[in-house]
Structure formats: structure tokens, C-alpha cells
């Protein structure tokens, strides 16, 4: 049963991931994956899962990191080959190149970790190494994939930069979560409430606007809220008491923004919500920051 699961788990993972572009081809306009793309990603995903399953308990970091590095190397080789021989069809060697390179460097990673694991105790940071290896590999893969005509036509450089920022944000969120796990429960709740408030504020003010429409320049004042929150957090070194004072200051600034807008731009458009509606919405965000501040204050007494 255990030997069967070594194959079944990677296979199910591969099928599950490939279902996303499969349904995309059916229901999303402009999403048109060729069968060769399914074959390529299917082989890579299945082999990655298989080498992970076959790796020993204390060598999976080296195996996965080596496999990802091998895929990046293979991508670089294919891109170089296309650059040197733009008229040649390299489709036939793409899958085999990625497969051989990934498996080879997975084996190299296994040997490296097996040799150094006792000396450097690298297993303490296994998950962190895997997460950042995946993030870096995907970032490096973006400019490589853009060498292919299909991706060049579909993805622009400004979109590629956005993807890179998103990947770095994913890594940052992982690091943040690992750090929050060292804090007590009240601190984590307080941090979550404050972060949710900042996220929702940025989303609402950027997408639809709080004061009038999203094109109203007055909404730019709301960016002072996360800026003050970040500066105060760094100054207090994320100490609970300092975080409480920071969130109280953030709540005060949040509440004062429409007041300042009334003073400096009396003719500003307040949209369908009107002045009262803007103050109500604004007060909801300020209340979130006050709740976060009170929770941080309670966490400081523990």
C-alpha cells in the first residue's frame, strides 16, 4: 500500500493542478493551452512529486531544491538554444531536457544534503528552504518563458514584474507566518486584525475609492495609514506596547483624513455616499485599527 501511494500522490497532485488550465480552456475566453503544454507540465509536476516521495525523510530539501534548480538550468539551455537557432524547432527536446536536468540535479541535491546534513543541521530550515527555492525558481523562470513566442504574445513585461512582486509577497507572507507562530495567540489576532484593516483599506480606496471615485486624488491620503503603521512598527520593533500605540495613531489618522479633505478641498466630490457615508465607512476602518490596538495592549500585559 505504501509503495502504491508513492505513485498515486504525485499523480493526483499533477491531475489536480492540470485541472486548472483544463477548465480554463473550456470556460475562460482567450485561455488556449495546447496539448504539448499539458504534456510538458504534467511530466515536470509528476516527476517533481515522484522524486519528493522517493527521497529519504532527511533528504527531501536537497532533492526538491536540486530538481527546481535543474528545471531552471533546463529552461536556460532551451532559451539559449532558441536564441542561437531561432529557426529550429526545439519542441521535441524540451520535455526530455527538463526531465533529465531535473532528475540529475535532484540526485546532486540528495548527495549534497546527505553529506552536509550532520555537519550543518540544515534540516532545521527545511520548509523555509523549499519555499524560497520555489519562489526564486519561479521568478527566474518568468524571463526564460518569455523567450517563447506563446508567452511573449500573452505576457507583457509590466505583467511579468507584477508576477515577480506577487511571488516575493508570497515568500514574505510565509516568513511573516513563521514569525507570528513564535508569538502568543492574542498578538497574532491583533496583528491579523490590523493587517486585514490595511489590506481592505488599500483594496477599497484603490478599486472604487472612499472619497468619490478611485480617480479622485484625495484618496491618495489613505496611503499615509499603512505608511505610518509600517514606520511605527519598525520603530517599536513590533513590541506589543509599541504596536498598540502605533495602531491608535493609525486609527486617529484614518479618522482625520475626511476632515482634512473637507478643509483643504472643500469642492471635492464625495460620490453617491456623500459626506456622511464617507465618514461612516471611514469610522469602520478606524474601529478595526482601534480593536487591533486594544488587543496589542492586552498582549503587552501577558
Protein backbone atom coordinates (compact mmCIF):
# COMPACT_ATOMS: atom_id res chain seq x y z
CA UNK A 1 0.00 0.00 0.00
CA UNK A 2 2.83 2.37 0.88
CA UNK A 3 4.64 1.65 -2.41
CA UNK A 4 1.45 2.42 -4.34
CA UNK A 5 0.99 5.78 -2.59
CA UNK A 6 4.43 6.84 -3.81
CA UNK A 7 3.00 6.94 -7.33
CA UNK A 8 -0.63 7.80 -6.53
CA UNK A 9 0.07 11.00 -4.58
CA UNK A 10 2.21 12.67 -7.30
CA UNK A 11 -0.29 11.54 -9.92
CA UNK A 12 -3.27 13.03 -8.07
CA UNK A 13 -1.34 16.25 -7.44
CA UNK A 14 -0.46 16.52 -11.12
CA UNK A 15 -4.03 15.90 -12.24
CA UNK A 16 -5.39 18.38 -9.69
CA UNK A 17 -3.07 21.18 -10.86
CA UNK A 18 -3.67 20.49 -14.55
CA UNK A 19 -7.42 20.69 -13.99
CA UNK A 20 -7.00 24.47 -13.59
CA UNK A 21 -5.83 25.10 -17.21
CA UNK A 22 -8.17 22.34 -18.42
CA UNK A 23 -11.25 24.16 -17.15
CA UNK A 24 -9.62 27.43 -18.23
CA UNK A 25 -9.61 26.18 -21.81
CA UNK A 26 -13.31 25.40 -21.53
CA UNK A 27 -14.70 28.41 -19.66
CA UNK A 28 -12.18 31.28 -19.95
CA UNK A 29 -12.02 33.33 -23.13
CA UNK A 30 -8.52 33.58 -24.56
CA UNK A 31 -7.17 30.67 -22.49
CA UNK A 32 -5.96 28.16 -25.06
CA UNK A 33 -3.43 25.62 -23.79
CA UNK A 34 -2.05 23.26 -26.43
CA UNK A 35 -1.79 19.56 -25.62
CA UNK A 36 2.03 19.87 -25.61
CA UNK A 37 1.77 22.34 -22.73
CA UNK A 38 -0.28 19.84 -20.74
CA UNK A 39 2.27 17.11 -21.54
CA UNK A 40 5.21 19.30 -20.53
CA UNK A 41 3.82 20.49 -17.22
CA UNK A 42 2.35 17.06 -16.50
CA UNK A 43 5.73 15.35 -16.84
CA UNK A 44 7.52 18.02 -14.79
CA UNK A 45 4.94 18.03 -11.98
CA UNK A 46 4.71 14.25 -11.79
CA UNK A 47 8.48 13.82 -11.72
CA UNK A 48 8.84 16.52 -9.07
CA UNK A 49 6.29 14.75 -6.89
CA UNK A 50 7.88 11.37 -7.55
CA UNK A 51 11.40 12.41 -6.57
CA UNK A 52 9.96 14.03 -3.45
CA UNK A 53 8.25 10.77 -2.49
CA UNK A 54 11.32 8.68 -3.23
CA UNK A 55 13.66 10.96 -1.28
CA UNK A 56 14.51 9.91 2.22
CA UNK A 57 12.98 11.63 5.19
CA UNK A 58 16.10 13.71 5.78
CA UNK A 59 16.99 14.47 2.16
CA UNK A 60 13.83 15.98 0.71
CA UNK A 61 15.12 19.56 0.91
CA UNK A 62 18.15 18.74 -1.19
CA UNK A 63 16.12 16.70 -3.68
CA UNK A 64 13.42 19.33 -4.26
CA UNK A 65 15.92 22.21 -4.35
CA UNK A 66 18.07 20.28 -6.81
CA UNK A 67 15.10 19.43 -9.01
CA UNK A 68 13.93 23.06 -9.13
CA UNK A 69 17.47 24.22 -9.92
CA UNK A 70 17.63 21.62 -12.68
CA UNK A 71 14.39 22.94 -14.21
CA UNK A 72 15.82 26.46 -14.21
CA UNK A 73 19.02 25.23 -15.85
CA UNK A 74 16.99 23.35 -18.46
CA UNK A 75 14.93 26.47 -19.16
CA UNK A 76 18.11 28.47 -19.64
CA UNK A 77 19.50 25.86 -22.04
CA UNK A 78 16.32 25.80 -24.11
CA UNK A 79 16.16 29.61 -24.22
CA UNK A 80 19.82 29.77 -25.29
CA UNK A 81 19.21 27.16 -27.97
CA UNK A 82 16.27 29.11 -29.35
CA UNK A 83 18.31 32.31 -29.33
CA UNK A 84 21.23 30.74 -31.19
CA UNK A 85 18.99 28.81 -33.60
CA UNK A 86 15.71 30.76 -33.86
CA UNK A 87 14.57 28.81 -36.93
CA UNK A 88 14.98 25.37 -35.39
CA UNK A 89 12.08 23.51 -33.81
CA UNK A 90 13.14 22.57 -30.27
CA UNK A 91 9.75 21.30 -29.11
CA UNK A 92 10.90 17.70 -29.34
CA UNK A 93 13.74 18.16 -26.86
CA UNK A 94 12.00 20.41 -24.34
CA UNK A 95 10.37 17.72 -22.21
CA UNK A 96 13.34 15.36 -22.22
CA UNK A 97 15.72 18.24 -21.39
CA UNK A 98 13.65 19.38 -18.42
CA UNK A 99 13.21 15.79 -17.25
CA UNK A 100 16.87 14.77 -17.42
CA UNK A 101 18.13 18.05 -15.95
CA UNK A 102 15.62 17.96 -13.10
CA UNK A 103 16.37 14.36 -12.16
CA UNK A 104 20.14 14.86 -12.44
CA UNK A 105 20.24 17.89 -10.17
CA UNK A 106 17.75 16.24 -7.79
CA UNK A 107 20.29 13.45 -7.35
CA UNK A 108 23.07 16.02 -6.88
CA UNK A 109 20.94 17.77 -4.25
CA UNK A 110 20.40 14.45 -2.49
CA UNK A 111 24.15 13.81 -2.36
CA UNK A 112 24.92 17.32 -1.13
CA UNK A 113 22.36 17.20 1.67
CA UNK A 114 23.33 13.68 2.66
CA UNK A 115 26.92 14.85 3.02
CA UNK A 116 26.30 18.09 4.87
CA UNK A 117 23.20 17.34 6.94
CA UNK A 118 25.05 16.22 10.07
CA UNK A 119 27.64 18.95 9.85
CA UNK A 120 25.39 21.94 9.33
CA UNK A 121 21.97 20.72 10.60
CA UNK A 122 20.21 22.13 7.54
CA UNK A 123 17.05 20.21 8.27
CA UNK A 124 16.04 22.85 10.81
CA UNK A 125 15.11 25.15 7.93
CA UNK A 126 13.70 22.55 5.54
CA UNK A 127 10.36 24.24 4.84
CA UNK A 128 11.89 27.69 4.54
CA UNK A 129 14.49 26.47 2.04
CA UNK A 130 11.84 24.74 -0.06
CA UNK A 131 9.52 27.78 -0.08
CA UNK A 132 12.23 30.23 -1.12
CA UNK A 133 13.72 27.76 -3.62
CA UNK A 134 10.32 27.56 -5.30
CA UNK A 135 9.88 31.36 -5.22
CA UNK A 136 13.33 32.04 -6.69
CA UNK A 137 12.92 29.32 -9.33
CA UNK A 138 9.57 30.72 -10.45
CA UNK A 139 10.99 34.24 -10.60
CA UNK A 140 13.90 33.04 -12.74
CA UNK A 141 11.52 31.03 -14.89
CA UNK A 142 9.44 34.10 -15.87
CA UNK A 143 12.07 35.78 -18.13
CA UNK A 144 13.03 32.36 -19.52
CA UNK A 145 9.45 31.53 -20.50
CA UNK A 146 9.08 34.94 -22.11
CA UNK A 147 11.64 33.84 -24.72
CA UNK A 148 8.97 31.56 -26.19
CA UNK A 149 6.55 33.17 -28.69
CA UNK A 150 3.41 31.95 -26.90
CA UNK A 151 4.35 33.61 -23.61
CA UNK A 152 5.77 36.70 -25.33
CA UNK A 153 2.43 37.31 -27.04
CA UNK A 154 0.39 36.71 -23.88
CA UNK A 155 2.53 38.25 -21.12
CA UNK A 156 3.97 41.79 -21.17
CA UNK A 157 6.95 42.90 -19.09
CA UNK A 158 4.81 45.01 -16.77
CA UNK A 159 2.73 41.90 -16.06
CA UNK A 160 5.90 39.87 -15.51
CA UNK A 161 7.09 42.41 -12.94
CA UNK A 162 3.70 42.19 -11.22
CA UNK A 163 4.05 38.38 -11.08
CA UNK A 164 7.51 38.72 -9.55
CA UNK A 165 6.18 41.11 -6.89
CA UNK A 166 3.36 38.66 -6.11
CA UNK A 167 5.84 35.78 -5.73
CA UNK A 168 8.02 37.84 -3.38
CA UNK A 169 4.90 38.76 -1.42
CA UNK A 170 4.05 35.05 -1.08
CA UNK A 171 7.50 34.42 0.35
CA UNK A 172 7.10 37.40 2.66
CA UNK A 173 3.74 36.13 3.89
CA UNK A 174 5.32 32.75 4.65
CA UNK A 175 8.12 34.41 6.64
CA UNK A 176 5.56 36.56 8.45
CA UNK A 177 3.52 33.49 9.39
CA UNK A 178 6.61 31.69 10.68
CA UNK A 179 7.44 34.72 12.81
CA UNK A 180 3.89 35.08 14.12
CA UNK A 181 3.95 31.44 15.26
CA UNK A 182 6.53 32.49 17.86
CA UNK A 183 4.07 35.00 19.35
CA UNK A 184 1.13 34.33 21.63
CA UNK A 185 -2.44 33.94 20.39
CA UNK A 186 -3.63 37.46 21.31
CA UNK A 187 -0.70 39.05 19.49
CA UNK A 188 -1.45 37.03 16.37
CA UNK A 189 -5.12 38.04 16.43
CA UNK A 190 -4.18 41.71 16.94
CA UNK A 191 -1.72 41.56 14.06
CA UNK A 192 -4.27 39.83 11.83
CA UNK A 193 -6.97 42.43 12.54
CA UNK A 194 -4.61 45.31 11.81
CA UNK A 195 -3.26 43.70 8.66
CA UNK A 196 -6.78 42.93 7.44
CA UNK A 197 -7.74 46.56 8.01
CA UNK A 198 -4.79 47.81 5.96
CA UNK A 199 -5.46 45.31 3.18
CA UNK A 200 -9.16 46.18 2.95
CA UNK A 201 -8.39 49.89 3.07
CA UNK A 202 -5.93 49.62 0.17
CA UNK A 203 -8.34 47.47 -1.79
CA UNK A 204 -11.37 49.72 -1.34
CA UNK A 205 -9.57 53.04 -1.83
CA UNK A 206 -7.70 51.74 -4.88
CA UNK A 207 -10.53 49.81 -6.54
CA UNK A 208 -13.60 52.00 -6.03
CA UNK A 209 -12.43 54.90 -3.87
CA UNK A 210 -13.72 56.02 -0.47
CA UNK A 211 -13.95 59.72 -1.18
CA UNK A 212 -15.68 59.87 -4.55
CA UNK A 213 -14.30 57.54 -7.24
CA UNK A 214 -10.97 55.74 -7.38
CA UNK A 215 -9.69 58.50 -9.72
CA UNK A 216 -10.10 61.13 -7.01
CA UNK A 217 -6.59 62.18 -5.97
CA UNK A 218 -7.81 62.85 -2.41
CA UNK A 219 -7.86 59.08 -1.86
CA UNK A 220 -4.06 59.11 -2.05
CA UNK A 221 -4.07 60.44 1.51
CA UNK A 222 -5.16 56.99 2.67
CA UNK A 223 -1.70 55.67 1.82
CA UNK A 224 -0.40 57.54 4.86
CA UNK A 225 -2.22 54.96 7.00
CA UNK A 226 -0.10 51.91 6.06
CA UNK A 227 2.98 54.14 5.87
CA UNK A 228 2.55 55.29 9.48
CA UNK A 229 1.74 51.73 10.52
CA UNK A 230 4.93 50.39 8.97
CA UNK A 231 7.14 53.16 10.37
CA UNK A 232 5.65 52.80 13.86
CA UNK A 233 6.03 49.01 13.77
CA UNK A 234 9.69 49.25 12.80
CA UNK A 235 10.43 51.90 15.43
CA UNK A 236 8.74 49.83 18.15
CA UNK A 237 10.42 46.66 16.82
CA UNK A 238 6.98 45.02 16.83
CA UNK A 239 6.84 45.20 20.61
CA UNK A 240 3.18 44.74 21.75
CA UNK A 241 3.06 48.03 23.66
CA UNK A 242 4.65 49.94 20.78
CA UNK A 243 2.31 48.26 18.31
CA UNK A 244 -0.67 49.33 20.42
CA UNK A 245 0.46 52.97 20.31
CA UNK A 246 1.09 52.67 16.57
CA UNK A 247 -2.39 51.31 15.87
CA UNK A 248 -4.01 54.03 17.98
CA UNK A 249 -2.10 56.61 15.90
CA UNK A 250 -3.17 54.86 12.70
CA UNK A 251 -6.82 54.91 13.81
CA UNK A 252 -6.58 58.65 14.55
CA UNK A 253 -5.07 59.38 11.13
CA UNK A 254 -7.71 57.24 9.46
CA UNK A 255 -10.47 59.22 11.17
CA UNK A 256 -8.91 62.60 10.35
CA UNK A 257 -8.45 62.04 6.59
CA UNK A 258 -12.01 63.06 5.53
CA UNK A 259 -11.80 66.00 7.95
CA UNK A 260 -8.60 67.15 6.26
CA UNK A 261 -10.24 66.59 2.85
CA UNK A 262 -13.10 68.91 3.86
CA UNK A 263 -10.63 71.61 4.91
CA UNK A 264 -8.12 71.57 2.04
CA UNK A 265 -10.50 70.61 -0.80
CA UNK A 266 -13.98 71.92 0.06
CA UNK A 267 -15.20 71.39 -3.51
CA UNK A 268 -14.20 67.72 -3.71
CA UNK A 269 -16.76 65.22 -4.99
CA UNK A 270 -17.94 62.82 -2.26
CA UNK A 271 -19.68 60.47 -4.68
CA UNK A 272 -23.01 58.75 -4.11
CA UNK A 273 -22.18 58.02 -0.46
CA UNK A 274 -22.00 61.71 0.41
CA UNK A 275 -20.10 63.22 3.32
CA UNK A 276 -21.97 61.20 5.96
CA UNK A 277 -21.46 57.93 4.08
CA UNK A 278 -17.73 58.56 3.75
CA UNK A 279 -17.44 59.29 7.47
CA UNK A 280 -19.32 56.07 8.28
CA UNK A 281 -17.05 53.95 6.07
CA UNK A 282 -14.03 55.75 7.41
CA UNK A 283 -15.13 55.11 11.00
CA UNK A 284 -15.44 51.37 10.29
CA UNK A 285 -11.78 51.19 9.28
CA UNK A 286 -10.76 53.33 12.25
CA UNK A 287 -12.68 50.95 14.54
CA UNK A 288 -10.73 47.98 13.12
CA UNK A 289 -7.46 49.70 13.98
CA UNK A 290 -8.70 50.55 17.47
CA UNK A 291 -9.66 46.91 18.06
CA UNK A 292 -6.20 45.85 16.91
CA UNK A 293 -4.59 48.42 19.22
CA UNK A 294 -6.62 47.20 22.22
CA UNK A 295 -5.63 43.60 21.51
CA UNK A 296 -1.96 44.59 21.27
CA UNK A 297 -2.33 46.42 24.56
CA UNK A 298 -3.77 43.30 26.15
CA UNK A 299 -0.97 41.20 24.67
CA UNK A 300 1.59 43.53 26.29
CA UNK A 301 0.24 42.64 29.77
CA UNK A 302 0.84 38.89 29.28
